[in-house]
Each structure stands twice: as C-alpha cells, then as structure tokens.
C-alpha cells in the first residue's frame, strides 16, 4: 500500500509517518524533504524562485535563505501561493514516480504530505491518515520548532484546511495532543490494521 500521512502544521505528521514506516518496514518519503532538495542550488525549485523573485530570497553565497523565505511565507499569502505554484507540480511528480516504482516492486511506502487535501492528491494513495492535535497544541509546537511568534503560527495554520475538515476525509485518524505513549499505541494499532 502507498499510505499518505497528513494533518495540520504542528500536529505531528513527521513523527507518525516515521513510526508507521518503521512498524510496517517500508520507506518514508517526506514532501517537505523533496521540497528542500528542489530548493538546492541550481535545482528546479531554486531556479523557479530565482526567475520569479530575483535575489530577494537568496543569501550572498547564492543559496536560498530559508529563514527569510519561511518568514515571508507566513506573512505574505501571495508569495506562499507563488512558491506553491512552483514547487507543488515538481513534488507531485516525484511522489508519483516513487509510488509507481514501489508498486512495480510490490512494496509499500509512507508519504508525508502536509497539504495533501489542499492540493487534491488524496486519490494518489491507497489509504490516508490524518494526524490530529488541538489547535493551541499545534501553535505551541510551531512556535518552539520554527522560532516564530504565536501570531505567525496561527497565520500558518489558518492558511490550511482545518484539521476538523481533514479528519472527515481520512481513512484513519491519529490523535496526537496527548502523551507520546498514547500516540505510539494508536500508530501500532494502525500498523496492525494496514498489515492485514
């Protein structure tokens, strides 16, 4: 099976994807990591951003300044949409290519896609897992992880479909507001279900 793992910012998608991959013994592909690769110097994402915004998001060495870009993505929705228009088709192609390779080899894969429902890729997966966490819990995690203000964290969350809406479209939901042990137990049960 090719399993998509999604959720909101700060919900804990990466943790769940890694745990599930380990329990199922399959590879985990992160759309965020694919984006990072695409933003390396001279890669297609890097080129697209340079063509659209010139040197605005580049440091003196010619690399993309991720801190500056992240802050602008939180603050300027039109820039976020522009970056998504550049990166999403490239990321989608990579996911489809890797999924096809896994299917050909009769192997499974976990794919972590933060904006899975926003970009309409849910039909690319055999099973979709939504990782849910309470709103303020997500905000606190974003503030700690990204070193941004609570307002910036809330702004990032509000740019996505609400977790409540995502939950309604999921095949499975992992509730990740509480202790890690409870999350791990849920992921273990999900792995048993998917292994059947």
N, C-alpha and C. Protein backbone atom coordinates (compact mmCIF):
# COMPACT_ATOMS: atom_id res chain seq x y z
N UNK A 1 0.83 -1.20 0.00
CA UNK A 1 0.00 0.00 0.00
C UNK A 1 0.87 1.25 0.00
N UNK A 2 0.39 2.27 -0.66
CA UNK A 2 1.01 3.60 -0.59
C UNK A 2 0.10 4.41 0.34
N UNK A 3 0.64 4.79 1.49
CA UNK A 3 -0.16 5.45 2.53
C UNK A 3 0.24 6.91 2.63
N UNK A 4 -0.73 7.80 2.53
CA UNK A 4 -0.49 9.23 2.70
C UNK A 4 -0.74 9.63 4.14
N UNK A 5 0.19 10.37 4.73
CA UNK A 5 0.03 10.88 6.09
C UNK A 5 -0.01 12.40 6.00
N UNK A 6 -1.06 12.99 6.57
CA UNK A 6 -1.21 14.44 6.51
C UNK A 6 -1.76 14.95 7.83
N UNK A 7 -2.02 16.23 7.89
CA UNK A 7 -2.53 16.87 9.10
C UNK A 7 -2.18 18.34 9.03
N UNK A 8 -2.37 19.06 10.12
CA UNK A 8 -2.06 20.48 10.13
C UNK A 8 -0.63 20.74 10.58
N UNK A 9 -0.21 21.99 10.48
CA UNK A 9 1.11 22.39 10.97
C UNK A 9 1.18 22.10 12.46
N UNK A 10 2.26 21.47 12.89
CA UNK A 10 2.46 21.21 14.31
C UNK A 10 1.66 20.05 14.87
N UNK A 11 0.94 19.32 14.02
CA UNK A 11 0.12 18.21 14.52
C UNK A 11 0.95 16.96 14.84
N UNK A 12 2.11 16.83 14.22
CA UNK A 12 2.96 15.67 14.47
C UNK A 12 2.99 14.67 13.33
N UNK A 13 2.81 15.14 12.10
CA UNK A 13 2.78 14.26 10.93
C UNK A 13 4.08 13.47 10.76
N UNK A 14 5.21 14.17 10.93
CA UNK A 14 6.51 13.52 10.71
C UNK A 14 6.73 12.38 11.69
N UNK A 15 6.40 12.62 12.95
CA UNK A 15 6.53 11.58 13.97
C UNK A 15 5.71 10.35 13.60
N UNK A 16 4.46 10.56 13.26
CA UNK A 16 3.57 9.45 12.92
C UNK A 16 4.05 8.72 11.67
N UNK A 17 4.48 9.47 10.66
CA UNK A 17 4.95 8.85 9.41
C UNK A 17 6.16 7.97 9.67
N UNK A 18 7.12 8.47 10.47
CA UNK A 18 8.33 7.69 10.77
C UNK A 18 7.98 6.44 11.58
N UNK A 19 7.15 6.60 12.61
CA UNK A 19 6.75 5.44 13.43
C UNK A 19 6.05 4.39 12.58
N UNK A 20 5.12 4.84 11.73
CA UNK A 20 4.36 3.91 10.90
C UNK A 20 5.26 3.20 9.91
N UNK A 21 6.20 3.94 9.32
CA UNK A 21 7.15 3.34 8.38
C UNK A 21 7.98 2.26 9.04
N UNK A 22 8.45 2.55 10.27
CA UNK A 22 9.26 1.55 10.99
C UNK A 22 8.44 0.31 11.31
N UNK A 23 7.23 0.50 11.79
CA UNK A 23 6.38 -0.64 12.16
C UNK A 23 6.02 -1.50 10.95
N UNK A 24 5.83 -0.85 9.80
CA UNK A 24 5.47 -1.60 8.58
C UNK A 24 6.70 -2.07 7.80
N UNK A 25 7.87 -1.55 8.16
CA UNK A 25 9.10 -1.92 7.46
C UNK A 25 9.16 -1.40 6.04
N UNK A 26 8.65 -0.17 5.84
CA UNK A 26 8.64 0.42 4.50
C UNK A 26 9.32 1.79 4.54
N UNK A 27 9.70 2.29 3.36
CA UNK A 27 10.32 3.60 3.25
C UNK A 27 9.33 4.71 3.55
N UNK A 28 9.85 5.83 4.04
CA UNK A 28 9.05 7.02 4.30
C UNK A 28 9.58 8.14 3.41
N UNK A 29 8.69 8.74 2.63
CA UNK A 29 9.05 9.88 1.77
C UNK A 29 8.35 11.11 2.32
N UNK A 30 9.11 12.15 2.56
CA UNK A 30 8.55 13.41 3.07
C UNK A 30 8.48 14.43 1.94
N UNK A 31 7.29 14.97 1.70
CA UNK A 31 7.14 16.01 0.68
C UNK A 31 8.00 17.23 1.04
N UNK A 32 8.13 17.51 2.35
CA UNK A 32 8.96 18.63 2.78
C UNK A 32 10.42 18.40 2.41
N UNK A 33 10.90 17.15 2.57
CA UNK A 33 12.29 16.85 2.20
C UNK A 33 12.50 16.96 0.69
N UNK A 34 11.48 16.53 -0.07
CA UNK A 34 11.56 16.67 -1.53
C UNK A 34 11.67 18.16 -1.88
N UNK A 35 10.87 19.00 -1.19
CA UNK A 35 10.93 20.46 -1.42
C UNK A 35 12.32 20.99 -1.12
N UNK A 36 12.90 20.54 0.01
CA UNK A 36 14.25 21.01 0.37
C UNK A 36 15.25 20.66 -0.72
N UNK A 37 15.14 19.44 -1.24
CA UNK A 37 16.05 19.03 -2.32
C UNK A 37 15.85 19.90 -3.56
N UNK A 38 14.60 20.21 -3.87
CA UNK A 38 14.30 21.02 -5.05
C UNK A 38 14.79 22.46 -4.91
N UNK A 39 15.02 22.89 -3.66
CA UNK A 39 15.46 24.26 -3.41
C UNK A 39 16.98 24.38 -3.30
N UNK A 40 17.69 23.27 -3.49
CA UNK A 40 19.15 23.33 -3.51
C UNK A 40 19.61 24.09 -4.75
N UNK A 41 20.79 24.64 -4.68
CA UNK A 41 21.31 25.47 -5.75
C UNK A 41 21.25 24.75 -7.11
N UNK A 42 20.70 25.46 -8.09
CA UNK A 42 20.55 25.01 -9.48
C UNK A 42 19.47 23.95 -9.69
N UNK A 43 18.78 23.53 -8.63
CA UNK A 43 17.68 22.57 -8.79
C UNK A 43 16.45 23.31 -9.31
N UNK A 44 15.45 22.59 -9.84
CA UNK A 44 14.30 23.25 -10.47
C UNK A 44 13.55 24.25 -9.58
N UNK A 45 13.38 23.92 -8.29
CA UNK A 45 12.69 24.85 -7.39
C UNK A 45 13.49 26.11 -7.16
N UNK A 46 14.79 25.96 -6.97
CA UNK A 46 15.71 27.09 -6.81
C UNK A 46 15.64 28.00 -8.04
N UNK A 47 15.65 27.38 -9.22
CA UNK A 47 15.60 28.15 -10.47
C UNK A 47 14.28 28.90 -10.60
N UNK A 48 13.17 28.22 -10.23
CA UNK A 48 11.86 28.86 -10.33
C UNK A 48 11.74 30.07 -9.42
N UNK A 49 12.27 29.96 -8.20
CA UNK A 49 12.21 31.09 -7.27
C UNK A 49 13.10 32.24 -7.74
N UNK A 50 14.26 31.91 -8.28
CA UNK A 50 15.14 32.96 -8.80
C UNK A 50 14.48 33.69 -9.98
N UNK A 51 13.84 32.91 -10.86
CA UNK A 51 13.19 33.53 -12.02
C UNK A 51 12.04 34.45 -11.59
N UNK A 52 11.30 34.06 -10.55
CA UNK A 52 10.12 34.82 -10.14
C UNK A 52 10.46 36.02 -9.26
N UNK A 53 11.43 35.88 -8.33
CA UNK A 53 11.71 36.94 -7.36
C UNK A 53 13.14 37.46 -7.39
N UNK A 54 13.94 37.05 -8.34
CA UNK A 54 15.31 37.54 -8.40
C UNK A 54 16.09 37.14 -7.17
N UNK A 55 16.81 38.07 -6.55
CA UNK A 55 17.68 37.75 -5.41
C UNK A 55 17.00 37.91 -4.06
N UNK A 56 15.70 38.20 -4.04
CA UNK A 56 15.00 38.51 -2.79
C UNK A 56 15.22 37.48 -1.68
N UNK A 57 15.23 36.20 -2.02
CA UNK A 57 15.30 35.14 -1.01
C UNK A 57 16.64 34.42 -0.98
N UNK A 58 17.67 35.05 -1.55
CA UNK A 58 18.98 34.40 -1.64
C UNK A 58 20.00 35.08 -0.73
N UNK A 59 20.90 34.26 -0.18
CA UNK A 59 21.99 34.83 0.62
C UNK A 59 23.16 35.15 -0.30
N UNK A 60 24.26 35.63 0.28
CA UNK A 60 25.40 36.08 -0.53
C UNK A 60 26.09 34.93 -1.27
N UNK A 61 25.88 33.68 -0.82
CA UNK A 61 26.51 32.54 -1.49
C UNK A 61 25.66 32.00 -2.64
N UNK A 62 24.45 32.56 -2.80
CA UNK A 62 23.58 32.09 -3.87
C UNK A 62 22.60 31.00 -3.45
N UNK A 63 22.63 30.65 -2.16
CA UNK A 63 21.66 29.68 -1.64
C UNK A 63 20.41 30.41 -1.18
N UNK A 64 19.30 29.69 -1.16
CA UNK A 64 18.06 30.27 -0.65
C UNK A 64 18.19 30.41 0.86
N UNK A 65 17.86 31.60 1.36
CA UNK A 65 17.87 31.86 2.80
C UNK A 65 16.53 31.36 3.35
N UNK A 66 16.54 30.16 3.89
CA UNK A 66 15.29 29.51 4.32
C UNK A 66 14.58 30.27 5.44
N UNK A 67 15.36 30.91 6.32
CA UNK A 67 14.75 31.66 7.41
C UNK A 67 13.95 32.84 6.87
N UNK A 68 14.53 33.58 5.94
CA UNK A 68 13.84 34.72 5.33
C UNK A 68 12.62 34.22 4.55
N UNK A 69 12.81 33.17 3.75
CA UNK A 69 11.70 32.65 2.94
C UNK A 69 10.56 32.18 3.84
N UNK A 70 10.87 31.46 4.93
CA UNK A 70 9.83 30.95 5.82
C UNK A 70 9.02 32.09 6.42
N UNK A 71 9.71 33.14 6.87
CA UNK A 71 9.01 34.28 7.48
C UNK A 71 8.08 34.96 6.47
N UNK A 72 8.55 35.11 5.22
CA UNK A 72 7.72 35.74 4.19
C UNK A 72 6.52 34.84 3.85
N UNK A 73 6.73 33.53 3.84
CA UNK A 73 5.63 32.61 3.55
C UNK A 73 4.54 32.74 4.59
N UNK A 74 4.92 32.94 5.86
CA UNK A 74 3.93 33.15 6.92
C UNK A 74 3.20 34.48 6.73
N UNK A 75 3.94 35.52 6.30
CA UNK A 75 3.41 36.89 6.30
C UNK A 75 2.72 37.30 5.00
N UNK A 76 3.12 36.72 3.86
CA UNK A 76 2.60 37.18 2.56
C UNK A 76 1.97 36.03 1.78
N UNK A 77 0.64 35.90 1.86
CA UNK A 77 -0.05 34.80 1.18
C UNK A 77 0.22 34.72 -0.32
N UNK A 78 0.42 35.87 -0.98
CA UNK A 78 0.64 35.84 -2.43
C UNK A 78 2.00 35.21 -2.76
N UNK A 79 3.00 35.43 -1.89
CA UNK A 79 4.30 34.79 -2.09
C UNK A 79 4.16 33.28 -1.84
N UNK A 80 3.43 32.92 -0.78
CA UNK A 80 3.22 31.50 -0.49
C UNK A 80 2.57 30.80 -1.68
N UNK A 81 1.56 31.44 -2.26
CA UNK A 81 0.90 30.84 -3.44
C UNK A 81 1.86 30.71 -4.61
N UNK A 82 2.70 31.71 -4.80
CA UNK A 82 3.68 31.66 -5.90
C UNK A 82 4.68 30.53 -5.72
N UNK A 83 5.18 30.36 -4.50
CA UNK A 83 6.13 29.29 -4.21
C UNK A 83 5.44 27.93 -4.41
N UNK A 84 4.19 27.82 -3.95
CA UNK A 84 3.45 26.56 -4.13
C UNK A 84 3.25 26.24 -5.61
N UNK A 85 2.99 27.26 -6.42
CA UNK A 85 2.80 27.02 -7.86
C UNK A 85 4.08 26.49 -8.50
N UNK A 86 5.22 26.89 -7.97
CA UNK A 86 6.50 26.40 -8.49
C UNK A 86 6.77 24.98 -8.00
N UNK A 87 6.61 24.77 -6.68
CA UNK A 87 7.05 23.51 -6.07
C UNK A 87 6.06 22.36 -6.17
N UNK A 88 4.76 22.64 -6.05
CA UNK A 88 3.79 21.53 -5.98
C UNK A 88 3.83 20.59 -7.18
N UNK A 89 3.87 21.09 -8.41
CA UNK A 89 3.94 20.14 -9.54
C UNK A 89 5.20 19.28 -9.52
N UNK A 90 6.32 19.87 -9.10
CA UNK A 90 7.58 19.14 -9.03
C UNK A 90 7.53 18.06 -7.95
N UNK A 91 6.98 18.40 -6.79
CA UNK A 91 6.85 17.44 -5.68
C UNK A 91 5.89 16.33 -6.07
N UNK A 92 4.78 16.70 -6.68
CA UNK A 92 3.77 15.70 -7.09
C UNK A 92 4.38 14.68 -8.04
N UNK A 93 5.15 15.16 -8.99
CA UNK A 93 5.78 14.26 -9.96
C UNK A 93 6.73 13.28 -9.26
N UNK A 94 7.48 13.77 -8.28
CA UNK A 94 8.41 12.92 -7.54
C UNK A 94 7.65 11.85 -6.74
N UNK A 95 6.56 12.25 -6.10
CA UNK A 95 5.76 11.30 -5.33
C UNK A 95 5.17 10.24 -6.24
N UNK A 96 4.61 10.65 -7.37
CA UNK A 96 4.01 9.69 -8.31
C UNK A 96 5.06 8.73 -8.85
N UNK A 97 6.24 9.25 -9.14
CA UNK A 97 7.32 8.44 -9.68
C UNK A 97 7.78 7.39 -8.67
N UNK A 98 7.99 7.83 -7.41
CA UNK A 98 8.43 6.90 -6.36
C UNK A 98 7.34 5.87 -6.04
N UNK A 99 6.08 6.31 -6.04
CA UNK A 99 4.97 5.39 -5.78
C UNK A 99 4.87 4.33 -6.86
N UNK A 100 5.02 4.75 -8.12
CA UNK A 100 4.96 3.80 -9.23
C UNK A 100 6.07 2.77 -9.11
N UNK A 101 7.26 3.22 -8.72
CA UNK A 101 8.39 2.31 -8.54
C UNK A 101 8.11 1.30 -7.44
N UNK A 102 7.53 1.76 -6.32
CA UNK A 102 7.19 0.86 -5.21
C UNK A 102 6.14 -0.16 -5.65
N UNK A 103 5.11 0.31 -6.36
CA UNK A 103 4.05 -0.60 -6.81
C UNK A 103 4.62 -1.67 -7.76
N UNK A 104 5.52 -1.25 -8.63
CA UNK A 104 6.15 -2.16 -9.57
C UNK A 104 6.91 -3.26 -8.83
N UNK A 105 7.54 -2.88 -7.72
CA UNK A 105 8.30 -3.84 -6.92
C UNK A 105 7.46 -4.49 -5.82
N UNK A 106 6.15 -4.25 -5.87
CA UNK A 106 5.21 -4.80 -4.89
C UNK A 106 5.63 -4.46 -3.47
N UNK A 107 6.03 -3.21 -3.30
CA UNK A 107 6.45 -2.72 -1.98
C UNK A 107 5.53 -1.57 -1.55
N UNK A 108 5.49 -1.33 -0.26
CA UNK A 108 4.70 -0.22 0.26
C UNK A 108 5.56 1.00 0.52
N UNK A 109 4.90 2.09 0.88
CA UNK A 109 5.62 3.32 1.20
C UNK A 109 4.68 4.24 1.98
N UNK A 110 5.26 4.98 2.91
CA UNK A 110 4.54 6.03 3.63
C UNK A 110 4.98 7.35 3.02
N UNK A 111 4.02 8.22 2.69
CA UNK A 111 4.34 9.52 2.12
C UNK A 111 3.71 10.60 3.00
N UNK A 112 4.56 11.43 3.59
CA UNK A 112 4.07 12.53 4.42
C UNK A 112 3.86 13.75 3.54
N UNK A 113 2.60 14.19 3.45
CA UNK A 113 2.25 15.33 2.59
C UNK A 113 1.43 16.34 3.41
N UNK A 114 2.05 17.42 3.86
CA UNK A 114 1.32 18.39 4.69
C UNK A 114 0.04 18.93 4.05
N UNK A 115 0.08 19.24 2.77
CA UNK A 115 -1.07 19.88 2.10
C UNK A 115 -1.83 18.90 1.20
N UNK A 116 -1.90 17.66 1.59
CA UNK A 116 -2.48 16.60 0.75
C UNK A 116 -3.89 16.96 0.26
N UNK A 117 -4.77 17.36 1.16
CA UNK A 117 -6.14 17.70 0.75
C UNK A 117 -6.20 19.05 0.04
N UNK A 118 -5.37 19.99 0.48
CA UNK A 118 -5.38 21.32 -0.15
C UNK A 118 -5.05 21.24 -1.64
N UNK A 119 -4.12 20.33 -1.99
CA UNK A 119 -3.72 20.22 -3.40
C UNK A 119 -4.47 19.11 -4.14
N UNK A 120 -5.35 18.39 -3.44
CA UNK A 120 -6.20 17.39 -4.09
C UNK A 120 -5.49 16.11 -4.50
N UNK A 121 -4.49 15.67 -3.71
CA UNK A 121 -3.74 14.47 -4.07
C UNK A 121 -4.23 13.22 -3.35
N UNK A 122 -5.35 13.31 -2.62
CA UNK A 122 -5.80 12.17 -1.81
C UNK A 122 -6.04 10.90 -2.63
N UNK A 123 -6.41 11.02 -3.88
CA UNK A 123 -6.67 9.83 -4.69
C UNK A 123 -5.39 9.14 -5.18
N UNK A 124 -4.24 9.74 -4.89
CA UNK A 124 -2.96 9.12 -5.25
C UNK A 124 -2.56 8.03 -4.25
N UNK A 125 -3.32 7.91 -3.16
CA UNK A 125 -2.94 6.99 -2.08
C UNK A 125 -4.00 5.92 -1.85
N UNK A 126 -3.52 4.76 -1.38
CA UNK A 126 -4.45 3.68 -1.06
C UNK A 126 -5.13 3.92 0.28
N UNK A 127 -4.48 4.66 1.15
CA UNK A 127 -5.00 4.91 2.50
C UNK A 127 -4.49 6.27 2.94
N UNK A 128 -5.35 7.08 3.55
CA UNK A 128 -4.96 8.41 4.02
C UNK A 128 -5.14 8.50 5.53
N UNK A 129 -4.07 8.86 6.21
CA UNK A 129 -4.07 9.02 7.66
C UNK A 129 -3.96 10.51 7.98
N UNK A 130 -4.86 11.01 8.82
CA UNK A 130 -4.78 12.39 9.29
C UNK A 130 -4.30 12.38 10.73
N UNK A 131 -3.26 13.16 11.00
CA UNK A 131 -2.76 13.33 12.36
C UNK A 131 -3.41 14.58 12.92
N UNK A 132 -4.13 14.40 14.03
CA UNK A 132 -4.89 15.49 14.63
C UNK A 132 -4.26 15.90 15.95
N UNK A 133 -4.22 17.22 16.20
CA UNK A 133 -3.85 17.74 17.52
C UNK A 133 -4.65 19.02 17.75
N UNK A 134 -4.93 19.31 19.00
CA UNK A 134 -5.70 20.52 19.35
C UNK A 134 -4.98 21.76 18.83
N UNK A 135 -5.78 22.77 18.46
CA UNK A 135 -5.26 23.98 17.81
C UNK A 135 -4.12 24.62 18.59
N UNK A 136 -4.32 24.91 19.87
CA UNK A 136 -3.29 25.59 20.65
C UNK A 136 -2.05 24.73 20.85
N UNK A 137 -2.24 23.43 20.89
CA UNK A 137 -1.11 22.50 20.97
C UNK A 137 -0.25 22.64 19.72
N UNK A 138 -0.90 22.72 18.55
CA UNK A 138 -0.18 22.90 17.29
C UNK A 138 0.55 24.24 17.27
N UNK A 139 -0.10 25.31 17.74
CA UNK A 139 0.52 26.63 17.76
C UNK A 139 1.79 26.60 18.62
N UNK A 140 1.70 26.01 19.81
CA UNK A 140 2.86 25.94 20.70
C UNK A 140 4.01 25.17 20.06
N UNK A 141 3.70 24.08 19.38
CA UNK A 141 4.75 23.29 18.72
C UNK A 141 5.42 24.08 17.60
N UNK A 142 4.62 24.82 16.82
CA UNK A 142 5.18 25.63 15.72
C UNK A 142 6.10 26.71 16.27
N UNK A 143 5.66 27.38 17.34
CA UNK A 143 6.46 28.45 17.97
C UNK A 143 7.81 27.88 18.41
N UNK A 144 7.79 26.72 19.07
CA UNK A 144 9.05 26.10 19.53
C UNK A 144 9.93 25.65 18.38
N UNK A 145 9.30 24.98 17.40
CA UNK A 145 10.07 24.38 16.30
C UNK A 145 10.63 25.43 15.34
N UNK A 146 9.80 26.39 14.95
CA UNK A 146 10.19 27.35 13.91
C UNK A 146 10.69 28.69 14.45
N UNK A 147 10.63 28.85 15.78
CA UNK A 147 11.05 30.10 16.42
C UNK A 147 10.31 31.30 15.81
N UNK A 148 9.00 31.17 15.76
CA UNK A 148 8.15 32.26 15.26
C UNK A 148 7.22 32.69 16.39
N UNK A 149 6.51 33.79 16.19
CA UNK A 149 5.57 34.26 17.20
C UNK A 149 4.29 33.41 17.14
N UNK A 150 3.51 33.39 18.22
CA UNK A 150 2.23 32.68 18.18
C UNK A 150 1.32 33.17 17.04
N UNK A 151 1.37 34.48 16.77
CA UNK A 151 0.54 35.03 15.69
C UNK A 151 0.96 34.45 14.34
N UNK A 152 2.28 34.34 14.12
CA UNK A 152 2.77 33.75 12.87
C UNK A 152 2.37 32.28 12.78
N UNK A 153 2.43 31.58 13.90
CA UNK A 153 2.00 30.18 13.93
C UNK A 153 0.54 30.04 13.57
N UNK A 154 -0.31 30.88 14.17
CA UNK A 154 -1.75 30.82 13.87
C UNK A 154 -2.02 31.18 12.41
N UNK A 155 -1.25 32.15 11.88
CA UNK A 155 -1.41 32.55 10.49
C UNK A 155 -1.09 31.37 9.55
N UNK A 156 -0.02 30.64 9.85
CA UNK A 156 0.33 29.48 9.03
C UNK A 156 -0.76 28.42 9.07
N UNK A 157 -1.29 28.16 10.26
CA UNK A 157 -2.36 27.15 10.41
C UNK A 157 -3.61 27.58 9.64
N UNK A 158 -3.94 28.88 9.72
CA UNK A 158 -5.18 29.35 9.08
C UNK A 158 -5.10 29.29 7.56
N UNK A 159 -3.89 29.17 6.99
CA UNK A 159 -3.74 29.08 5.53
C UNK A 159 -4.08 27.69 5.02
N UNK A 160 -4.28 26.74 5.94
CA UNK A 160 -4.58 25.36 5.55
C UNK A 160 -6.05 25.02 5.85
N UNK A 161 -6.52 23.95 5.23
CA UNK A 161 -7.84 23.43 5.57
C UNK A 161 -7.80 23.02 7.05
N UNK A 162 -8.89 23.26 7.77
CA UNK A 162 -8.89 22.94 9.20
C UNK A 162 -8.72 21.43 9.43
N UNK A 163 -8.12 21.10 10.56
CA UNK A 163 -7.93 19.69 10.90
C UNK A 163 -9.26 18.96 11.01
N UNK A 164 -10.27 19.67 11.48
CA UNK A 164 -11.60 19.05 11.61
C UNK A 164 -12.13 18.61 10.25
N UNK A 165 -11.91 19.43 9.22
CA UNK A 165 -12.33 19.06 7.86
C UNK A 165 -11.50 17.90 7.32
N UNK A 166 -10.20 17.91 7.60
CA UNK A 166 -9.33 16.83 7.12
C UNK A 166 -9.72 15.50 7.75
N UNK A 167 -10.05 15.53 9.04
CA UNK A 167 -10.44 14.31 9.75
C UNK A 167 -11.63 13.64 9.07
N UNK A 168 -12.57 14.44 8.58
CA UNK A 168 -13.77 13.89 7.94
C UNK A 168 -13.45 13.17 6.63
N UNK A 169 -12.31 13.47 6.02
CA UNK A 169 -11.93 12.86 4.75
C UNK A 169 -10.93 11.71 4.91
N UNK A 170 -10.53 11.43 6.15
CA UNK A 170 -9.47 10.45 6.40
C UNK A 170 -9.99 9.02 6.41
N UNK A 171 -9.09 8.07 6.09
CA UNK A 171 -9.38 6.66 6.29
C UNK A 171 -9.10 6.28 7.74
N UNK A 172 -8.09 6.93 8.34
CA UNK A 172 -7.74 6.73 9.75
C UNK A 172 -7.30 8.06 10.34
N UNK A 173 -7.50 8.20 11.66
CA UNK A 173 -7.09 9.41 12.37
C UNK A 173 -6.23 9.01 13.57
N UNK A 174 -5.10 9.69 13.73
CA UNK A 174 -4.26 9.52 14.90
C UNK A 174 -4.38 10.81 15.72
N UNK A 175 -4.83 10.70 16.97
CA UNK A 175 -4.98 11.86 17.84
C UNK A 175 -3.65 12.06 18.57
N UNK A 176 -3.02 13.23 18.37
CA UNK A 176 -1.66 13.44 18.87
C UNK A 176 -1.55 14.68 19.75
N UNK A 177 -2.58 14.93 20.58
CA UNK A 177 -2.50 16.07 21.50
C UNK A 177 -1.90 15.65 22.84
N UNK A 178 -1.94 14.36 23.14
CA UNK A 178 -1.57 13.89 24.47
C UNK A 178 -0.18 13.30 24.55
N UNK A 179 0.00 12.37 25.48
CA UNK A 179 1.32 11.76 25.69
C UNK A 179 1.79 10.96 24.47
N UNK A 180 3.11 10.93 24.30
CA UNK A 180 3.71 10.20 23.18
C UNK A 180 3.31 8.73 23.20
N UNK A 181 3.24 8.15 24.39
CA UNK A 181 2.89 6.73 24.50
C UNK A 181 1.52 6.44 23.89
N UNK A 182 0.58 7.36 24.07
CA UNK A 182 -0.77 7.17 23.51
C UNK A 182 -0.74 7.25 21.99
N UNK A 183 0.06 8.18 21.46
CA UNK A 183 0.21 8.28 20.00
C UNK A 183 0.84 7.00 19.45
N UNK A 184 1.88 6.53 20.12
CA UNK A 184 2.57 5.31 19.66
C UNK A 184 1.63 4.11 19.66
N UNK A 185 0.78 4.03 20.67
CA UNK A 185 -0.18 2.92 20.74
C UNK A 185 -1.16 2.97 19.56
N UNK A 186 -1.63 4.16 19.23
CA UNK A 186 -2.54 4.32 18.09
C UNK A 186 -1.85 3.93 16.78
N UNK A 187 -0.59 4.36 16.62
CA UNK A 187 0.14 4.04 15.40
C UNK A 187 0.38 2.53 15.31
N UNK A 188 0.67 1.91 16.44
CA UNK A 188 0.86 0.45 16.46
C UNK A 188 -0.41 -0.25 15.98
N UNK A 189 -1.57 0.16 16.49
CA UNK A 189 -2.83 -0.46 16.07
C UNK A 189 -3.10 -0.21 14.58
N UNK A 190 -2.77 0.99 14.11
CA UNK A 190 -2.94 1.29 12.69
C UNK A 190 -2.05 0.39 11.83
N UNK A 191 -0.81 0.20 12.27
CA UNK A 191 0.10 -0.68 11.53
C UNK A 191 -0.45 -2.09 11.46
N UNK A 192 -1.05 -2.58 12.54
CA UNK A 192 -1.67 -3.92 12.53
C UNK A 192 -2.81 -3.98 11.52
N UNK A 193 -3.60 -2.92 11.48
CA UNK A 193 -4.72 -2.86 10.53
C UNK A 193 -4.22 -2.87 9.09
N UNK A 194 -3.20 -2.07 8.81
CA UNK A 194 -2.69 -1.96 7.44
C UNK A 194 -1.93 -3.21 6.99
N UNK A 195 -1.43 -3.97 7.94
CA UNK A 195 -0.70 -5.19 7.63
C UNK A 195 -1.61 -6.38 7.31
N UNK A 196 -2.90 -6.23 7.58
CA UNK A 196 -3.84 -7.34 7.37
C UNK A 196 -3.95 -7.72 5.90
